[in-house]
PDB file of all heavy atoms in Angstrom:
ATOM      1  N   ASP A   1      -5.092  -4.547  10.335  1.00  0.00           N
ATOM      2  CA  ASP A   1      -4.252  -5.737  10.244  1.00  0.00           C
ATOM      3  C   ASP A   1      -2.937  -5.394   9.543  1.00  0.00           C
ATOM      4  O   ASP A   1      -2.935  -4.967   8.388  1.00  0.00           O
ATOM      5  CB  ASP A   1      -4.995  -6.830   9.470  1.00  0.00           C
ATOM      6  CG  ASP A   1      -4.155  -8.089   9.318  1.00  0.00           C
ATOM      7  OD1 ASP A   1      -3.420  -8.416  10.267  1.00  0.00           O
ATOM      8  OD2 ASP A   1      -4.204  -8.711   8.237  1.00  0.00           O
ATOM      9  N   LEU A   2      -1.826  -5.581  10.232  1.00  0.00           N
ATOM     10  CA  LEU A   2      -0.523  -5.227   9.658  1.00  0.00           C
ATOM     11  C   LEU A   2      -0.163  -6.117   8.471  1.00  0.00           C
ATOM     12  O   LEU A   2       0.436  -5.661   7.502  1.00  0.00           O
ATOM     13  CB  LEU A   2       0.567  -5.316  10.733  1.00  0.00           C
ATOM     14  CG  LEU A   2       0.500  -4.309  11.880  1.00  0.00           C
ATOM     15  CD1 LEU A   2       1.625  -4.574  12.877  1.00  0.00           C
ATOM     16  CD2 LEU A   2       0.561  -2.880  11.366  1.00  0.00           C
ATOM     17  N   GLU A   3      -0.533  -7.394   8.550  1.00  0.00           N
ATOM     18  CA  GLU A   3      -0.115  -8.333   7.505  1.00  0.00           C
ATOM     19  C   GLU A   3      -0.792  -8.072   6.166  1.00  0.00           C
ATOM     20  O   GLU A   3      -0.293  -8.483   5.124  1.00  0.00           O
ATOM     21  CB  GLU A   3      -0.363  -9.778   7.961  1.00  0.00           C
ATOM     22  CG  GLU A   3       0.535 -10.185   9.120  1.00  0.00           C
ATOM     23  CD  GLU A   3       0.389 -11.641   9.486  1.00  0.00           C
ATOM     24  OE1 GLU A   3      -0.331 -12.371   8.774  1.00  0.00           O
ATOM     25  OE2 GLU A   3       0.977 -12.057  10.501  1.00  0.00           O
ATOM     26  N   THR A   4      -1.947  -7.397   6.191  1.00  0.00           N
ATOM     27  CA  THR A   4      -2.630  -7.065   4.934  1.00  0.00           C
ATOM     28  C   THR A   4      -2.567  -5.550   4.684  1.00  0.00           C
ATOM     29  O   THR A   4      -3.485  -4.962   4.126  1.00  0.00           O
ATOM     30  CB  THR A   4      -4.096  -7.537   4.959  1.00  0.00           C
ATOM     31  OG1 THR A   4      -4.758  -6.957   6.104  1.00  0.00           O
ATOM     32  CG2 THR A   4      -4.170  -9.050   5.057  1.00  0.00           C
ATOM     33  N   SER A   5      -1.475  -4.945   5.094  1.00  0.00           N
ATOM     34  CA  SER A   5      -1.310  -3.502   4.954  1.00  0.00           C
ATOM     35  C   SER A   5      -1.369  -3.072   3.487  1.00  0.00           C
ATOM     36  O   SER A   5      -0.891  -3.776   2.593  1.00  0.00           O
ATOM     37  CB  SER A   5       0.028  -3.059   5.551  1.00  0.00           C
ATOM     38  OG  SER A   5       0.057  -3.244   6.943  1.00  0.00           O
ATOM     39  N   TYR A   6      -1.926  -1.916   3.266  1.00  0.00           N
ATOM     40  CA  TYR A   6      -1.974  -1.323   1.927  1.00  0.00           C
ATOM     41  C   TYR A   6      -1.497   0.118   2.019  1.00  0.00           C
ATOM     42  O   TYR A   6      -1.493   0.731   3.078  1.00  0.00           O
ATOM     43  CB  TYR A   6      -3.405  -1.356   1.368  1.00  0.00           C
ATOM     44  CG  TYR A   6      -4.409  -0.594   2.203  1.00  0.00           C
ATOM     45  CD1 TYR A   6      -4.608   0.781   2.014  1.00  0.00           C
ATOM     46  CD2 TYR A   6      -5.143  -1.225   3.211  1.00  0.00           C
ATOM     47  CE1 TYR A   6      -5.512   1.494   2.802  1.00  0.00           C
ATOM     48  CE2 TYR A   6      -6.034  -0.513   4.002  1.00  0.00           C
ATOM     49  CZ  TYR A   6      -6.218   0.837   3.780  1.00  0.00           C
ATOM     50  OH  TYR A   6      -7.101   1.548   4.559  1.00  0.00           O
ATOM     51  N   TYR A   7      -1.056   0.639   0.877  1.00  0.00           N
ATOM     52  CA  TYR A   7      -0.780   2.065   0.811  1.00  0.00           C
ATOM     53  C   TYR A   7      -1.739   2.712  -0.183  1.00  0.00           C
ATOM     54  O   TYR A   7      -2.282   2.037  -1.071  1.00  0.00           O
ATOM     55  CB  TYR A   7       0.684   2.352   0.453  1.00  0.00           C
ATOM     56  CG  TYR A   7       1.131   1.909  -0.930  1.00  0.00           C
ATOM     57  CD1 TYR A   7       1.002   2.757  -2.035  1.00  0.00           C
ATOM     58  CD2 TYR A   7       1.733   0.663  -1.130  1.00  0.00           C
ATOM     59  CE1 TYR A   7       1.430   2.369  -3.294  1.00  0.00           C
ATOM     60  CE2 TYR A   7       2.165   0.264  -2.384  1.00  0.00           C
ATOM     61  CZ  TYR A   7       2.019   1.121  -3.467  1.00  0.00           C
ATOM     62  OH  TYR A   7       2.447   0.733  -4.713  1.00  0.00           O
ATOM     63  N   THR A   8      -1.985   3.980  -0.013  1.00  0.00           N
ATOM     64  CA  THR A   8      -2.887   4.695  -0.910  1.00  0.00           C
ATOM     65  C   THR A   8      -2.096   5.226  -2.097  1.00  0.00           C
ATOM     66  O   THR A   8      -0.938   5.644  -1.963  1.00  0.00           O
ATOM     67  CB  THR A   8      -3.577   5.862  -0.189  1.00  0.00           C
ATOM     68  OG1 THR A   8      -2.581   6.776   0.288  1.00  0.00           O
ATOM     69  CG2 THR A   8      -4.412   5.365   0.978  1.00  0.00           C
ATOM     70  N   ALA A   9      -2.720   5.208  -3.268  1.00  0.00           N
ATOM     71  CA  ALA A   9      -2.086   5.700  -4.495  1.00  0.00           C
ATOM     72  C   ALA A   9      -3.083   6.598  -5.217  1.00  0.00           C
ATOM     73  O   ALA A   9      -4.208   6.187  -5.485  1.00  0.00           O
ATOM     74  CB  ALA A   9      -1.686   4.526  -5.388  1.00  0.00           C
ATOM     75  N   VAL A  10      -2.670   7.827  -5.509  1.00  0.00           N
ATOM     76  CA  VAL A  10      -3.580   8.797  -6.121  1.00  0.00           C
ATOM     77  C   VAL A  10      -2.996   9.303  -7.434  1.00  0.00           C
ATOM     78  O   VAL A  10      -1.794   9.523  -7.554  1.00  0.00           O
ATOM     79  CB  VAL A  10      -3.886   9.968  -5.149  1.00  0.00           C
ATOM     80  CG1 VAL A  10      -2.626  10.712  -4.771  1.00  0.00           C
ATOM     81  CG2 VAL A  10      -4.916  10.920  -5.716  1.00  0.00           C
ATOM     82  N   GLN A  11      -3.885   9.431  -8.425  1.00  0.00           N
ATOM     83  CA  GLN A  11      -3.508   9.916  -9.748  1.00  0.00           C
ATOM     84  C   GLN A  11      -4.558  10.897 -10.245  1.00  0.00           C
ATOM     85  O   GLN A  11      -5.718  10.865  -9.802  1.00  0.00           O
ATOM     86  CB  GLN A  11      -3.460   8.750 -10.752  1.00  0.00           C
ATOM     87  CG  GLN A  11      -2.102   8.155 -10.994  1.00  0.00           C
ATOM     88  CD  GLN A  11      -2.158   7.148 -12.126  1.00  0.00           C
ATOM     89  OE1 GLN A  11      -2.994   6.245 -12.154  1.00  0.00           O
ATOM     90  NE2 GLN A  11      -1.265   7.294 -13.093  1.00  0.00           N
ATOM     91  N   MET A  12      -4.160  11.748 -11.182  1.00  0.00           N
ATOM     92  CA  MET A  12      -5.129  12.617 -11.856  1.00  0.00           C
ATOM     93  C   MET A  12      -5.815  11.821 -12.958  1.00  0.00           C
ATOM     94  O   MET A  12      -5.169  11.111 -13.721  1.00  0.00           O
ATOM     95  CB  MET A  12      -4.430  13.820 -12.489  1.00  0.00           C
ATOM     96  CG  MET A  12      -3.878  14.823 -11.511  1.00  0.00           C
ATOM     97  SD  MET A  12      -5.139  15.905 -10.808  1.00  0.00           S
ATOM     98  CE  MET A  12      -5.410  17.048 -12.145  1.00  0.00           C
ATOM     99  N   ASP A  13      -7.142  11.942 -13.015  1.00  0.00           N
ATOM    100  CA  ASP A  13      -7.922  11.331 -14.094  1.00  0.00           C
ATOM    101  C   ASP A  13      -8.732  12.463 -14.705  1.00  0.00           C
ATOM    102  O   ASP A  13      -9.820  12.785 -14.229  1.00  0.00           O
ATOM    103  CB  ASP A  13      -8.827  10.240 -13.525  1.00  0.00           C
ATOM    104  CG  ASP A  13      -9.532   9.447 -14.617  1.00  0.00           C
ATOM    105  OD1 ASP A  13      -9.337   9.777 -15.802  1.00  0.00           O
ATOM    106  OD2 ASP A  13     -10.288   8.520 -14.284  1.00  0.00           O
ATOM    107  N   GLY A  14      -8.194  13.099 -15.748  1.00  0.00           N
ATOM    108  CA  GLY A  14      -8.797  14.336 -16.242  1.00  0.00           C
ATOM    109  C   GLY A  14      -8.592  15.420 -15.198  1.00  0.00           C
ATOM    110  O   GLY A  14      -7.469  15.674 -14.753  1.00  0.00           O
ATOM    111  N   ASP A  15      -9.692  16.020 -14.765  1.00  0.00           N
ATOM    112  CA  ASP A  15      -9.609  17.039 -13.705  1.00  0.00           C
ATOM    113  C   ASP A  15      -9.869  16.444 -12.328  1.00  0.00           C
ATOM    114  O   ASP A  15      -9.830  17.164 -11.329  1.00  0.00           O
ATOM    115  CB  ASP A  15     -10.638  18.157 -13.971  1.00  0.00           C
ATOM    116  CG  ASP A  15     -10.259  18.979 -15.185  1.00  0.00           C
ATOM    117  OD1 ASP A  15      -9.058  19.048 -15.490  1.00  0.00           O
ATOM    118  OD2 ASP A  15     -11.157  19.530 -15.842  1.00  0.00           O
ATOM    119  N   GLN A  16     -10.159  15.153 -12.277  1.00  0.00           N
ATOM    120  CA  GLN A  16     -10.511  14.504 -11.015  1.00  0.00           C
ATOM    121  C   GLN A  16      -9.335  13.690 -10.475  1.00  0.00           C
ATOM    122  O   GLN A  16      -8.409  13.340 -11.206  1.00  0.00           O
ATOM    123  CB  GLN A  16     -11.730  13.593 -11.211  1.00  0.00           C
ATOM    124  CG  GLN A  16     -12.967  14.313 -11.725  1.00  0.00           C
ATOM    125  CD  GLN A  16     -13.430  15.409 -10.787  1.00  0.00           C
ATOM    126  OE1 GLN A  16     -13.585  15.180  -9.591  1.00  0.00           O
ATOM    127  NE2 GLN A  16     -13.638  16.613 -11.327  1.00  0.00           N
ATOM    128  N   LEU A  17      -9.410  13.371  -9.201  1.00  0.00           N
ATOM    129  CA  LEU A  17      -8.405  12.516  -8.580  1.00  0.00           C
ATOM    130  C   LEU A  17      -8.950  11.100  -8.467  1.00  0.00           C
ATOM    131  O   LEU A  17     -10.086  10.898  -8.045  1.00  0.00           O
ATOM    132  CB  LEU A  17      -8.041  13.043  -7.194  1.00  0.00           C
ATOM    133  CG  LEU A  17      -7.331  14.400  -7.147  1.00  0.00           C
ATOM    134  CD1 LEU A  17      -7.221  14.889  -5.709  1.00  0.00           C
ATOM    135  CD2 LEU A  17      -5.961  14.328  -7.793  1.00  0.00           C
ATOM    136  N   ARG A  18      -8.144  10.132  -8.861  1.00  0.00           N
ATOM    137  CA  ARG A  18      -8.520   8.725  -8.720  1.00  0.00           C
ATOM    138  C   ARG A  18      -7.624   8.096  -7.658  1.00  0.00           C
ATOM    139  O   ARG A  18      -6.402   8.255  -7.682  1.00  0.00           O
ATOM    140  CB  ARG A  18      -8.330   7.988 -10.047  1.00  0.00           C
ATOM    141  CG  ARG A  18      -8.877   6.563 -10.010  1.00  0.00           C
ATOM    142  CD  ARG A  18      -8.679   5.816 -11.308  1.00  0.00           C
ATOM    143  NE  ARG A  18      -7.314   5.355 -11.460  1.00  0.00           N
ATOM    144  CZ  ARG A  18      -6.487   5.760 -12.417  1.00  0.00           C
ATOM    145  NH1 ARG A  18      -6.879   6.642 -13.298  1.00  0.00           N
ATOM    146  NH2 ARG A  18      -5.253   5.287 -12.489  1.00  0.00           N
ATOM    147  N   ILE A  19      -8.231   7.375  -6.734  1.00  0.00           N
ATOM    148  CA  ILE A  19      -7.443   6.818  -5.623  1.00  0.00           C
ATOM    149  C   ILE A  19      -7.618   5.307  -5.547  1.00  0.00           C
ATOM    150  O   ILE A  19      -8.718   4.788  -5.775  1.00  0.00           O
ATOM    151  CB  ILE A  19      -7.826   7.492  -4.283  1.00  0.00           C
ATOM    152  CG1 ILE A  19      -6.880   7.099  -3.160  1.00  0.00           C
ATOM    153  CG2 ILE A  19      -9.227   7.232  -3.887  1.00  0.00           C
ATOM    154  CD1 ILE A  19      -6.333   8.283  -2.430  1.00  0.00           C
ATOM    155  N   ASP A  20      -6.518   4.628  -5.288  1.00  0.00           N
ATOM    156  CA  ASP A  20      -6.518   3.172  -5.175  1.00  0.00           C
ATOM    157  C   ASP A  20      -5.785   2.759  -3.902  1.00  0.00           C
ATOM    158  O   ASP A  20      -4.993   3.523  -3.347  1.00  0.00           O
ATOM    159  CB  ASP A  20      -5.797   2.530  -6.370  1.00  0.00           C
ATOM    160  CG  ASP A  20      -6.477   2.819  -7.688  1.00  0.00           C
ATOM    161  OD1 ASP A  20      -7.667   2.489  -7.820  1.00  0.00           O
ATOM    162  OD2 ASP A  20      -5.816   3.391  -8.589  1.00  0.00           O
ATOM    163  N   LYS A  21      -6.062   1.513  -3.486  1.00  0.00           N
ATOM    164  CA  LYS A  21      -5.300   0.895  -2.405  1.00  0.00           C
ATOM    165  C   LYS A  21      -4.405  -0.174  -3.025  1.00  0.00           C
ATOM    166  O   LYS A  21      -4.870  -0.983  -3.838  1.00  0.00           O
ATOM    167  CB  LYS A  21      -6.229   0.229  -1.388  1.00  0.00           C
ATOM    168  CG  LYS A  21      -7.159   1.172  -0.657  1.00  0.00           C
ATOM    169  CD  LYS A  21      -8.048   0.360   0.282  1.00  0.00           C
ATOM    170  CE  LYS A  21      -9.062   1.221   1.009  1.00  0.00           C
ATOM    171  NZ  LYS A  21      -9.958   0.395   1.856  1.00  0.00           N
ATOM    172  N   LYS A  22      -3.134  -0.186  -2.640  1.00  0.00           N
ATOM    173  CA  LYS A  22      -2.206  -1.168  -3.187  1.00  0.00           C
ATOM    174  C   LYS A  22      -1.505  -1.892  -2.048  1.00  0.00           C
ATOM    175  O   LYS A  22      -1.129  -1.271  -1.046  1.00  0.00           O
ATOM    176  CB  LYS A  22      -1.186  -0.496  -4.105  1.00  0.00           C
ATOM    177  CG  LYS A  22      -1.852   0.186  -5.297  1.00  0.00           C
ATOM    178  CD  LYS A  22      -0.880   0.565  -6.376  1.00  0.00           C
ATOM    179  CE  LYS A  22      -1.622   1.112  -7.598  1.00  0.00           C
ATOM    180  NZ  LYS A  22      -0.696   1.495  -8.684  1.00  0.00           N
ATOM    181  N   PRO A  23      -1.322  -3.206  -2.165  1.00  0.00           N
ATOM    182  CA  PRO A  23      -0.734  -3.967  -1.050  1.00  0.00           C
ATOM    183  C   PRO A  23       0.731  -3.620  -0.825  1.00  0.00           C
ATOM    184  O   PRO A  23       1.490  -3.426  -1.774  1.00  0.00           O
ATOM    185  CB  PRO A  23      -0.890  -5.429  -1.505  1.00  0.00           C
ATOM    186  CG  PRO A  23      -0.977  -5.359  -2.998  1.00  0.00           C
ATOM    187  CD  PRO A  23      -1.652  -4.070  -3.321  1.00  0.00           C
ATOM    188  N   VAL A  24       1.116  -3.530   0.443  1.00  0.00           N
ATOM    189  CA  VAL A  24       2.528  -3.349   0.795  1.00  0.00           C
ATOM    190  C   VAL A  24       3.228  -4.691   0.594  1.00  0.00           C
ATOM    191  O   VAL A  24       2.736  -5.737   1.027  1.00  0.00           O
ATOM    192  CB  VAL A  24       2.676  -2.882   2.252  1.00  0.00           C
ATOM    193  CG1 VAL A  24       4.154  -2.814   2.655  1.00  0.00           C
ATOM    194  CG2 VAL A  24       2.012  -1.528   2.451  1.00  0.00           C
ATOM    195  N   ILE A  25       4.368  -4.661  -0.083  1.00  0.00           N
ATOM    196  CA  ILE A  25       5.151  -5.881  -0.293  1.00  0.00           C
ATOM    197  C   ILE A  25       6.214  -5.968   0.812  1.00  0.00           C
ATOM    198  O   ILE A  25       7.072  -5.098   0.920  1.00  0.00           O
ATOM    199  CB  ILE A  25       5.845  -5.865  -1.681  1.00  0.00           C
ATOM    200  CG1 ILE A  25       4.806  -5.605  -2.790  1.00  0.00           C
ATOM    201  CG2 ILE A  25       6.594  -7.163  -1.916  1.00  0.00           C
ATOM    202  CD1 ILE A  25       3.720  -6.647  -2.876  1.00  0.00           C
ATOM    203  N   PHE A  26       6.141  -7.011   1.615  1.00  0.00           N
ATOM    204  CA  PHE A  26       7.115  -7.199   2.701  1.00  0.00           C
ATOM    205  C   PHE A  26       8.294  -7.995   2.146  1.00  0.00           C
ATOM    206  O   PHE A  26       8.402  -9.206   2.340  1.00  0.00           O
ATOM    207  CB  PHE A  26       6.465  -7.912   3.886  1.00  0.00           C
ATOM    208  CG  PHE A  26       5.276  -7.177   4.447  1.00  0.00           C
ATOM    209  CD1 PHE A  26       4.004  -7.732   4.411  1.00  0.00           C
ATOM    210  CD2 PHE A  26       5.431  -5.908   4.996  1.00  0.00           C
ATOM    211  CE1 PHE A  26       2.902  -7.056   4.923  1.00  0.00           C
ATOM    212  CE2 PHE A  26       4.339  -5.211   5.511  1.00  0.00           C
ATOM    213  CZ  PHE A  26       3.073  -5.785   5.476  1.00  0.00           C
ATOM    214  N   SER A  27       9.184  -7.289   1.448  1.00  0.00           N
ATOM    215  CA  SER A  27      10.238  -7.973   0.698  1.00  0.00           C
ATOM    216  C   SER A  27      11.379  -8.473   1.574  1.00  0.00           C
ATOM    217  O   SER A  27      12.124  -9.366   1.167  1.00  0.00           O
ATOM    218  CB  SER A  27      10.794  -7.026  -0.372  1.00  0.00           C
ATOM    219  OG  SER A  27      11.290  -5.831   0.226  1.00  0.00           O
ATOM    220  N   MET A  28      11.534  -7.891   2.780  1.00  0.00           N
ATOM    221  CA  MET A  28      12.642  -8.299   3.645  1.00  0.00           C
ATOM    222  C   MET A  28      12.198  -8.847   4.990  1.00  0.00           C
ATOM    223  O   MET A  28      12.811  -9.765   5.522  1.00  0.00           O
ATOM    224  CB  MET A  28      13.587  -7.108   3.874  1.00  0.00           C
ATOM    225  CG  MET A  28      14.357  -6.687   2.638  1.00  0.00           C
ATOM    226  SD  MET A  28      15.496  -5.319   2.980  1.00  0.00           S
ATOM    227  CE  MET A  28      16.615  -6.079   4.151  1.00  0.00           C
ATOM    228  N   VAL A  29      11.145  -8.268   5.538  1.00  0.00           N
ATOM    229  CA  VAL A  29      10.696  -8.691   6.862  1.00  0.00           C
ATOM    230  C   VAL A  29       9.188  -8.475   6.959  1.00  0.00           C
ATOM    231  O   VAL A  29       8.655  -7.507   6.422  1.00  0.00           O
ATOM    232  CB  VAL A  29      11.449  -7.911   7.969  1.00  0.00           C
ATOM    233  CG1 VAL A  29      11.217  -6.416   7.870  1.00  0.00           C
ATOM    234  CG2 VAL A  29      11.101  -8.423   9.354  1.00  0.00           C
ATOM    235  N   LYS A  30       8.512  -9.399   7.629  1.00  0.00           N
ATOM    236  CA  LYS A  30       7.060  -9.315   7.787  1.00  0.00           C
ATOM    237  C   LYS A  30       6.709  -8.824   9.192  1.00  0.00           C
ATOM    238  O   LYS A  30       7.516  -8.960  10.116  1.00  0.00           O
ATOM    239  CB  LYS A  30       6.427 -10.692   7.541  1.00  0.00           C
ATOM    240  CG  LYS A  30       6.575 -11.176   6.105  1.00  0.00           C
ATOM    241  CD  LYS A  30       5.957 -12.557   5.935  1.00  0.00           C
ATOM    242  CE  LYS A  30       6.122 -13.038   4.492  1.00  0.00           C
ATOM    243  NZ  LYS A  30       5.584 -14.412   4.312  1.00  0.00           N
ATOM    244  N   PRO A  31       5.510  -8.262   9.358  1.00  0.00           N
ATOM    245  CA  PRO A  31       5.089  -7.822  10.695  1.00  0.00           C
ATOM    246  C   PRO A  31       5.226  -8.953  11.714  1.00  0.00           C
ATOM    247  O   PRO A  31       4.889 -10.106  11.434  1.00  0.00           O
ATOM    248  CB  PRO A  31       3.625  -7.430  10.489  1.00  0.00           C
ATOM    249  CG  PRO A  31       3.544  -7.034   9.049  1.00  0.00           C
ATOM    250  CD  PRO A  31       4.486  -7.945   8.329  1.00  0.00           C
ATOM    251  N   GLY A  32       5.752  -8.603  12.875  1.00  0.00           N
ATOM    252  CA  GLY A  32       5.972  -9.603  13.913  1.00  0.00           C
ATOM    253  C   GLY A  32       7.333 -10.268  13.840  1.00  0.00           C
ATOM    254  O   GLY A  32       7.731 -10.995  14.753  1.00  0.00           O
ATOM    255  N   GLU A  33       8.055 -10.028  12.725  1.00  0.00           N
ATOM    256  CA  GLU A  33       9.386 -10.610  12.563  1.00  0.00           C
ATOM    257  C   GLU A  33      10.438  -9.506  12.682  1.00  0.00           C
ATOM    258  O   GLU A  33      10.120  -8.322  12.743  1.00  0.00           O
ATOM    259  CB  GLU A  33       9.504 -11.300  11.195  1.00  0.00           C
ATOM    260  CG  GLU A  33       8.535 -12.461  11.007  1.00  0.00           C
ATOM    261  CD  GLU A  33       8.647 -13.077   9.621  1.00  0.00           C
ATOM    262  OE1 GLU A  33       9.411 -12.540   8.789  1.00  0.00           O
ATOM    263  OE2 GLU A  33       7.965 -14.086   9.364  1.00  0.00           O
ATOM    264  N   THR A  34      11.699  -9.914  12.694  1.00  0.00           N
ATOM    265  CA  THR A  34      12.800  -8.949  12.731  1.00  0.00           C
ATOM    266  C   THR A  34      13.983  -9.524  11.962  1.00  0.00           C
ATOM    267  O   THR A  34      14.121 -10.745  11.831  1.00  0.00           O
ATOM    268  CB  THR A  34      13.220  -8.624  14.171  1.00  0.00           C
ATOM    269  OG1 THR A  34      14.272  -7.644  14.136  1.00  0.00           O
ATOM    270  CG2 THR A  34      13.699  -9.864  14.916  1.00  0.00           C
ATOM    271  N   ILE A  35      14.835  -8.636  11.434  1.00  0.00           N
ATOM    272  CA  ILE A  35      16.061  -9.113  10.796  1.00  0.00           C
ATOM    273  C   ILE A  35      17.245  -9.013  11.765  1.00  0.00           C
ATOM    274  O   ILE A  35      18.372  -9.349  11.406  1.00  0.00           O
ATOM    275  CB  ILE A  35      16.380  -8.345   9.494  1.00  0.00           C
ATOM    276  CG1 ILE A  35      16.621  -6.852   9.777  1.00  0.00           C
ATOM    277  CG2 ILE A  35      15.291  -8.542   8.467  1.00  0.00           C
ATOM    278  CD1 ILE A  35      17.141  -6.098   8.553  1.00  0.00           C
TER     279      ILE A  35
END
């Protein structure tokens, strides 16, 4: 679903990698729209 798009974010946590999903902010245009 484009409207609930997320990007992946990875960080080091000690020697391990921690990964999260974060929502894409459509600050100018939303999926299906155009400027």
